N, C-alpha and C. Protein backbone atom coordinates (compact mmCIF):
# COMPACT_ATOMS: atom_id res chain seq x y z
N MET A 1 -33.47 -64.34 -80.72
CA MET A 1 -32.05 -63.97 -80.82
C MET A 1 -31.27 -65.14 -81.42
N ARG A 2 -30.45 -64.85 -82.38
CA ARG A 2 -29.68 -65.93 -82.98
C ARG A 2 -28.52 -66.30 -82.08
N ARG A 3 -28.13 -67.55 -82.14
CA ARG A 3 -27.10 -68.07 -81.24
C ARG A 3 -25.72 -67.61 -81.68
N SER A 4 -24.95 -67.13 -80.73
CA SER A 4 -23.56 -66.75 -80.99
C SER A 4 -22.66 -67.86 -80.49
N PHE A 5 -21.69 -68.22 -81.28
CA PHE A 5 -20.75 -69.25 -80.88
C PHE A 5 -19.48 -68.59 -80.35
N LEU A 6 -18.80 -69.32 -79.50
CA LEU A 6 -17.57 -68.81 -78.89
C LEU A 6 -16.35 -69.44 -79.54
N GLY A 7 -15.34 -68.61 -79.74
CA GLY A 7 -14.04 -69.13 -80.13
C GLY A 7 -13.30 -69.61 -78.88
N GLU A 8 -12.19 -70.29 -79.09
CA GLU A 8 -11.42 -70.83 -77.97
C GLU A 8 -10.99 -69.73 -77.00
N PHE A 9 -10.46 -68.63 -77.52
CA PHE A 9 -9.98 -67.57 -76.64
C PHE A 9 -11.14 -66.92 -75.90
N GLU A 10 -12.28 -66.75 -76.58
CA GLU A 10 -13.46 -66.19 -75.92
C GLU A 10 -13.90 -67.10 -74.77
N GLU A 11 -13.89 -68.39 -75.00
CA GLU A 11 -14.26 -69.35 -73.95
C GLU A 11 -13.31 -69.23 -72.76
N ILE A 12 -12.02 -69.13 -73.02
CA ILE A 12 -11.04 -69.01 -71.94
C ILE A 12 -11.28 -67.73 -71.14
N VAL A 13 -11.50 -66.63 -71.83
CA VAL A 13 -11.74 -65.36 -71.14
C VAL A 13 -13.01 -65.45 -70.29
N LEU A 14 -14.07 -66.03 -70.84
CA LEU A 14 -15.31 -66.19 -70.07
C LEU A 14 -15.08 -67.04 -68.83
N LEU A 15 -14.34 -68.13 -68.98
CA LEU A 15 -14.05 -69.00 -67.84
C LEU A 15 -13.24 -68.27 -66.78
N VAL A 16 -12.28 -67.45 -67.20
CA VAL A 16 -11.48 -66.68 -66.25
C VAL A 16 -12.35 -65.69 -65.50
N VAL A 17 -13.24 -65.01 -66.20
CA VAL A 17 -14.15 -64.07 -65.54
C VAL A 17 -15.01 -64.83 -64.53
N ALA A 18 -15.52 -66.00 -64.92
CA ALA A 18 -16.36 -66.80 -64.03
C ALA A 18 -15.59 -67.24 -62.79
N ALA A 19 -14.30 -67.51 -62.96
CA ALA A 19 -13.48 -68.04 -61.86
C ALA A 19 -12.92 -66.95 -60.95
N CYS A 20 -13.02 -65.70 -61.33
CA CYS A 20 -12.47 -64.62 -60.51
C CYS A 20 -13.18 -64.57 -59.16
N PRO A 21 -12.42 -64.67 -58.06
CA PRO A 21 -13.05 -64.62 -56.74
C PRO A 21 -13.51 -63.21 -56.37
N ALA A 22 -12.90 -62.21 -56.95
CA ALA A 22 -13.25 -60.81 -56.69
C ALA A 22 -13.76 -60.21 -57.99
N GLU A 23 -13.92 -58.92 -58.01
CA GLU A 23 -14.36 -58.25 -59.23
C GLU A 23 -13.32 -58.44 -60.33
N ALA A 24 -13.81 -58.76 -61.51
CA ALA A 24 -12.93 -59.03 -62.64
C ALA A 24 -12.77 -57.76 -63.48
N TYR A 25 -11.51 -57.35 -63.68
CA TYR A 25 -11.24 -56.22 -64.57
C TYR A 25 -10.04 -56.57 -65.44
N GLY A 26 -9.80 -55.74 -66.44
CA GLY A 26 -8.82 -56.03 -67.48
C GLY A 26 -7.51 -56.65 -67.04
N VAL A 27 -6.83 -56.01 -66.09
CA VAL A 27 -5.49 -56.49 -65.70
C VAL A 27 -5.56 -57.86 -65.03
N THR A 28 -6.51 -58.06 -64.12
CA THR A 28 -6.59 -59.37 -63.44
C THR A 28 -6.98 -60.46 -64.43
N ILE A 29 -7.87 -60.14 -65.36
CA ILE A 29 -8.27 -61.12 -66.37
C ILE A 29 -7.08 -61.46 -67.25
N TRP A 30 -6.37 -60.44 -67.70
CA TRP A 30 -5.17 -60.63 -68.55
C TRP A 30 -4.13 -61.51 -67.85
N GLU A 31 -3.86 -61.21 -66.57
CA GLU A 31 -2.88 -62.00 -65.81
C GLU A 31 -3.34 -63.45 -65.65
N ASP A 32 -4.62 -63.64 -65.32
CA ASP A 32 -5.14 -64.99 -65.12
C ASP A 32 -5.14 -65.80 -66.41
N VAL A 33 -5.50 -65.17 -67.52
CA VAL A 33 -5.49 -65.89 -68.80
C VAL A 33 -4.07 -66.37 -69.11
N GLN A 34 -3.09 -65.50 -68.92
CA GLN A 34 -1.70 -65.89 -69.18
C GLN A 34 -1.26 -67.02 -68.25
N GLN A 35 -1.62 -66.89 -66.98
CA GLN A 35 -1.23 -67.91 -66.00
C GLN A 35 -1.88 -69.26 -66.31
N GLN A 36 -3.16 -69.24 -66.63
CA GLN A 36 -3.89 -70.49 -66.86
C GLN A 36 -3.51 -71.17 -68.17
N THR A 37 -3.16 -70.38 -69.19
CA THR A 37 -2.85 -70.96 -70.50
C THR A 37 -1.37 -71.14 -70.76
N GLY A 38 -0.53 -70.40 -70.02
CA GLY A 38 0.90 -70.44 -70.29
C GLY A 38 1.27 -69.70 -71.56
N ARG A 39 0.36 -68.89 -72.07
CA ARG A 39 0.60 -68.12 -73.30
C ARG A 39 0.95 -66.68 -72.95
N SER A 40 1.71 -66.06 -73.83
CA SER A 40 1.97 -64.63 -73.73
C SER A 40 0.90 -63.93 -74.57
N ILE A 41 0.09 -63.11 -73.92
CA ILE A 41 -1.06 -62.49 -74.57
C ILE A 41 -1.00 -60.99 -74.36
N THR A 42 -1.36 -60.24 -75.36
CA THR A 42 -1.37 -58.79 -75.21
C THR A 42 -2.64 -58.35 -74.48
N MET A 43 -2.50 -57.25 -73.76
CA MET A 43 -3.65 -56.68 -73.06
C MET A 43 -4.73 -56.28 -74.05
N SER A 44 -4.32 -55.78 -75.22
CA SER A 44 -5.32 -55.36 -76.21
C SER A 44 -6.15 -56.54 -76.71
N ALA A 45 -5.55 -57.73 -76.81
CA ALA A 45 -6.30 -58.91 -77.22
C ALA A 45 -7.37 -59.24 -76.19
N VAL A 46 -7.03 -59.11 -74.91
CA VAL A 46 -8.00 -59.37 -73.84
C VAL A 46 -9.10 -58.33 -73.87
N HIS A 47 -8.73 -57.05 -73.99
CA HIS A 47 -9.75 -55.99 -74.02
C HIS A 47 -10.69 -56.16 -75.21
N ALA A 48 -10.16 -56.46 -76.37
CA ALA A 48 -11.00 -56.65 -77.56
C ALA A 48 -11.97 -57.81 -77.34
N THR A 49 -11.49 -58.86 -76.72
CA THR A 49 -12.33 -60.03 -76.46
C THR A 49 -13.40 -59.71 -75.43
N LEU A 50 -13.03 -58.99 -74.38
CA LEU A 50 -14.02 -58.61 -73.37
C LEU A 50 -15.15 -57.78 -73.98
N TYR A 51 -14.80 -56.81 -74.81
CA TYR A 51 -15.82 -55.96 -75.44
C TYR A 51 -16.68 -56.76 -76.43
N ARG A 52 -16.05 -57.69 -77.15
CA ARG A 52 -16.80 -58.53 -78.09
C ARG A 52 -17.79 -59.43 -77.32
N LEU A 53 -17.34 -60.00 -76.19
CA LEU A 53 -18.22 -60.83 -75.38
C LEU A 53 -19.37 -60.02 -74.79
N GLU A 54 -19.08 -58.76 -74.48
CA GLU A 54 -20.14 -57.89 -73.98
C GLU A 54 -21.16 -57.60 -75.10
N GLU A 55 -20.67 -57.36 -76.31
CA GLU A 55 -21.57 -57.12 -77.45
C GLU A 55 -22.44 -58.34 -77.74
N LYS A 56 -21.89 -59.53 -77.54
CA LYS A 56 -22.64 -60.77 -77.77
C LYS A 56 -23.62 -61.05 -76.63
N GLY A 57 -23.51 -60.30 -75.54
CA GLY A 57 -24.43 -60.48 -74.42
C GLY A 57 -23.97 -61.47 -73.38
N PHE A 58 -22.73 -61.94 -73.45
CA PHE A 58 -22.22 -62.92 -72.50
C PHE A 58 -21.60 -62.29 -71.26
N LEU A 59 -21.24 -61.03 -71.36
CA LEU A 59 -20.69 -60.27 -70.23
C LEU A 59 -21.43 -58.95 -70.11
N SER A 60 -21.42 -58.43 -68.91
CA SER A 60 -21.85 -57.05 -68.68
C SER A 60 -20.68 -56.35 -68.01
N SER A 61 -20.70 -55.02 -68.03
CA SER A 61 -19.62 -54.29 -67.37
C SER A 61 -20.17 -53.04 -66.72
N GLU A 62 -19.43 -52.57 -65.75
CA GLU A 62 -19.74 -51.30 -65.12
C GLU A 62 -18.44 -50.65 -64.67
N MET A 63 -18.47 -49.34 -64.62
CA MET A 63 -17.28 -48.59 -64.23
C MET A 63 -17.22 -48.49 -62.71
N GLY A 64 -16.02 -48.72 -62.17
CA GLY A 64 -15.78 -48.54 -60.74
C GLY A 64 -15.37 -47.10 -60.48
N GLY A 65 -15.10 -46.81 -59.23
CA GLY A 65 -14.67 -45.47 -58.86
C GLY A 65 -13.24 -45.20 -59.27
N ALA A 66 -12.90 -43.94 -59.38
CA ALA A 66 -11.53 -43.53 -59.71
C ALA A 66 -10.65 -43.76 -58.48
N THR A 67 -9.40 -44.16 -58.73
CA THR A 67 -8.47 -44.40 -57.62
C THR A 67 -7.19 -43.61 -57.87
N ALA A 68 -6.56 -43.22 -56.77
CA ALA A 68 -5.30 -42.48 -56.86
C ALA A 68 -4.20 -43.36 -57.47
N GLU A 69 -4.21 -44.66 -57.14
CA GLU A 69 -3.18 -45.56 -57.66
C GLU A 69 -3.23 -45.69 -59.17
N ARG A 70 -4.36 -45.37 -59.78
CA ARG A 70 -4.52 -45.42 -61.24
C ARG A 70 -4.52 -44.02 -61.84
N GLY A 71 -4.02 -43.05 -61.09
CA GLY A 71 -3.95 -41.68 -61.60
C GLY A 71 -5.33 -41.07 -61.83
N GLY A 72 -6.29 -41.48 -61.02
CA GLY A 72 -7.64 -40.95 -61.15
C GLY A 72 -8.50 -41.66 -62.19
N ARG A 73 -7.93 -42.66 -62.86
CA ARG A 73 -8.71 -43.41 -63.86
C ARG A 73 -9.60 -44.44 -63.17
N ARG A 74 -10.67 -44.81 -63.83
CA ARG A 74 -11.61 -45.78 -63.29
C ARG A 74 -11.38 -47.14 -63.93
N LYS A 75 -11.69 -48.20 -63.19
CA LYS A 75 -11.62 -49.56 -63.72
C LYS A 75 -12.99 -49.96 -64.25
N ARG A 76 -12.98 -50.75 -65.32
CA ARG A 76 -14.22 -51.34 -65.84
C ARG A 76 -14.27 -52.78 -65.33
N PHE A 77 -15.31 -53.10 -64.58
CA PHE A 77 -15.49 -54.44 -64.02
C PHE A 77 -16.44 -55.25 -64.90
N PHE A 78 -16.08 -56.52 -65.13
CA PHE A 78 -16.86 -57.41 -65.98
C PHE A 78 -17.49 -58.52 -65.15
N ALA A 79 -18.69 -58.93 -65.56
CA ALA A 79 -19.40 -60.02 -64.90
C ALA A 79 -20.14 -60.84 -65.95
N LEU A 80 -20.30 -62.13 -65.67
CA LEU A 80 -21.07 -63.00 -66.55
C LEU A 80 -22.54 -62.62 -66.51
N THR A 81 -23.18 -62.73 -67.65
CA THR A 81 -24.63 -62.58 -67.72
C THR A 81 -25.24 -63.99 -67.71
N ASN A 82 -26.56 -64.06 -67.66
CA ASN A 82 -27.22 -65.37 -67.76
C ASN A 82 -26.87 -66.05 -69.07
N ALA A 83 -26.78 -65.28 -70.15
CA ALA A 83 -26.41 -65.85 -71.45
C ALA A 83 -24.99 -66.39 -71.42
N GLY A 84 -24.09 -65.72 -70.70
CA GLY A 84 -22.72 -66.21 -70.57
C GLY A 84 -22.65 -67.52 -69.80
N VAL A 85 -23.43 -67.63 -68.74
CA VAL A 85 -23.49 -68.87 -67.97
C VAL A 85 -24.03 -70.00 -68.84
N ARG A 86 -25.11 -69.71 -69.58
CA ARG A 86 -25.69 -70.73 -70.48
C ARG A 86 -24.67 -71.18 -71.53
N ALA A 87 -23.95 -70.22 -72.10
CA ALA A 87 -22.96 -70.56 -73.12
C ALA A 87 -21.87 -71.48 -72.56
N LEU A 88 -21.39 -71.16 -71.36
CA LEU A 88 -20.36 -72.01 -70.75
C LEU A 88 -20.90 -73.39 -70.41
N ASN A 89 -22.13 -73.47 -69.91
CA ASN A 89 -22.74 -74.77 -69.63
C ASN A 89 -22.92 -75.58 -70.90
N ASP A 90 -23.36 -74.93 -71.98
CA ASP A 90 -23.53 -75.62 -73.26
C ASP A 90 -22.20 -76.17 -73.77
N ILE A 91 -21.16 -75.36 -73.68
CA ILE A 91 -19.84 -75.79 -74.15
C ILE A 91 -19.34 -76.97 -73.32
N GLN A 92 -19.54 -76.89 -72.01
CA GLN A 92 -19.09 -77.98 -71.14
C GLN A 92 -19.82 -79.28 -71.50
N GLU A 93 -21.12 -79.20 -71.76
CA GLU A 93 -21.88 -80.40 -72.14
C GLU A 93 -21.38 -80.99 -73.45
N VAL A 94 -21.14 -80.14 -74.44
CA VAL A 94 -20.65 -80.62 -75.74
C VAL A 94 -19.28 -81.28 -75.56
N ARG A 95 -18.39 -80.62 -74.85
CA ARG A 95 -17.06 -81.19 -74.65
C ARG A 95 -17.12 -82.51 -73.90
N SER A 96 -17.96 -82.59 -72.88
CA SER A 96 -18.10 -83.84 -72.12
C SER A 96 -18.60 -84.97 -73.01
N ARG A 97 -19.62 -84.67 -73.83
CA ARG A 97 -20.14 -85.70 -74.75
C ARG A 97 -19.05 -86.18 -75.71
N LEU A 98 -18.28 -85.23 -76.24
CA LEU A 98 -17.23 -85.59 -77.18
C LEU A 98 -16.15 -86.44 -76.52
N TRP A 99 -15.72 -86.05 -75.32
CA TRP A 99 -14.70 -86.83 -74.61
C TRP A 99 -15.22 -88.23 -74.28
N GLN A 100 -16.49 -88.32 -73.90
CA GLN A 100 -17.07 -89.64 -73.58
C GLN A 100 -17.24 -90.49 -74.82
N ALA A 101 -17.32 -89.88 -75.98
CA ALA A 101 -17.50 -90.63 -77.23
C ALA A 101 -16.19 -91.25 -77.73
N ILE A 102 -15.07 -90.85 -77.18
CA ILE A 102 -13.79 -91.42 -77.61
C ILE A 102 -13.70 -92.85 -77.09
N PRO A 103 -13.54 -93.81 -77.99
CA PRO A 103 -13.48 -95.21 -77.55
C PRO A 103 -12.29 -95.46 -76.61
N PRO A 104 -12.50 -96.32 -75.61
CA PRO A 104 -11.38 -96.67 -74.71
C PRO A 104 -10.20 -97.21 -75.51
N GLY A 105 -9.02 -96.77 -75.16
CA GLY A 105 -7.81 -97.24 -75.83
C GLY A 105 -7.49 -96.51 -77.13
N LYS A 106 -8.35 -95.59 -77.56
CA LYS A 106 -8.13 -94.89 -78.84
C LYS A 106 -6.79 -94.17 -78.86
N PHE A 107 -6.44 -93.51 -77.78
CA PHE A 107 -5.18 -92.76 -77.76
C PHE A 107 -3.98 -93.70 -77.79
N GLN A 108 -4.08 -94.86 -77.17
CA GLN A 108 -2.98 -95.83 -77.22
C GLN A 108 -2.77 -96.32 -78.65
N LEU A 109 -3.87 -96.45 -79.39
CA LEU A 109 -3.75 -96.93 -80.77
C LEU A 109 -2.99 -95.96 -81.67
N ILE A 110 -3.03 -94.69 -81.34
CA ILE A 110 -2.33 -93.72 -82.18
C ILE A 110 -1.05 -93.21 -81.53
N GLY A 111 -0.58 -93.88 -80.48
CA GLY A 111 0.71 -93.59 -79.90
C GLY A 111 0.71 -92.62 -78.74
N PHE A 112 -0.44 -92.31 -78.17
CA PHE A 112 -0.49 -91.42 -77.00
C PHE A 112 -0.89 -92.22 -75.78
N GLY A 113 -0.48 -91.72 -74.63
CA GLY A 113 -0.92 -92.30 -73.37
C GLY A 113 -0.35 -93.67 -73.10
N SER A 114 0.86 -93.94 -73.58
CA SER A 114 1.46 -95.25 -73.39
C SER A 114 1.67 -95.61 -71.96
């Protein structure tokens, strides 16, 4: 299988799904992404990303039962797959290596972190 790379938003959505203490579904993921990033994001952007991550094999989903509060509609619950966990671990390792490679004082030299 060829390796699929994640975009920034895909990584954020995967992390939110991983961090969900309960079952992760569209609305909770959408709310958490907005809360964690401080961005205003459309629900359709989240749904498109969830389905794309599922196609890449990083998420799986299953339909829950119909509820009266949703007018008889069912929720689709998302969960990380082993490939999703590996992708997040790989990204974390790369980011850690890059952050550790920044020479001490580098940010002060360019006017940050005074």
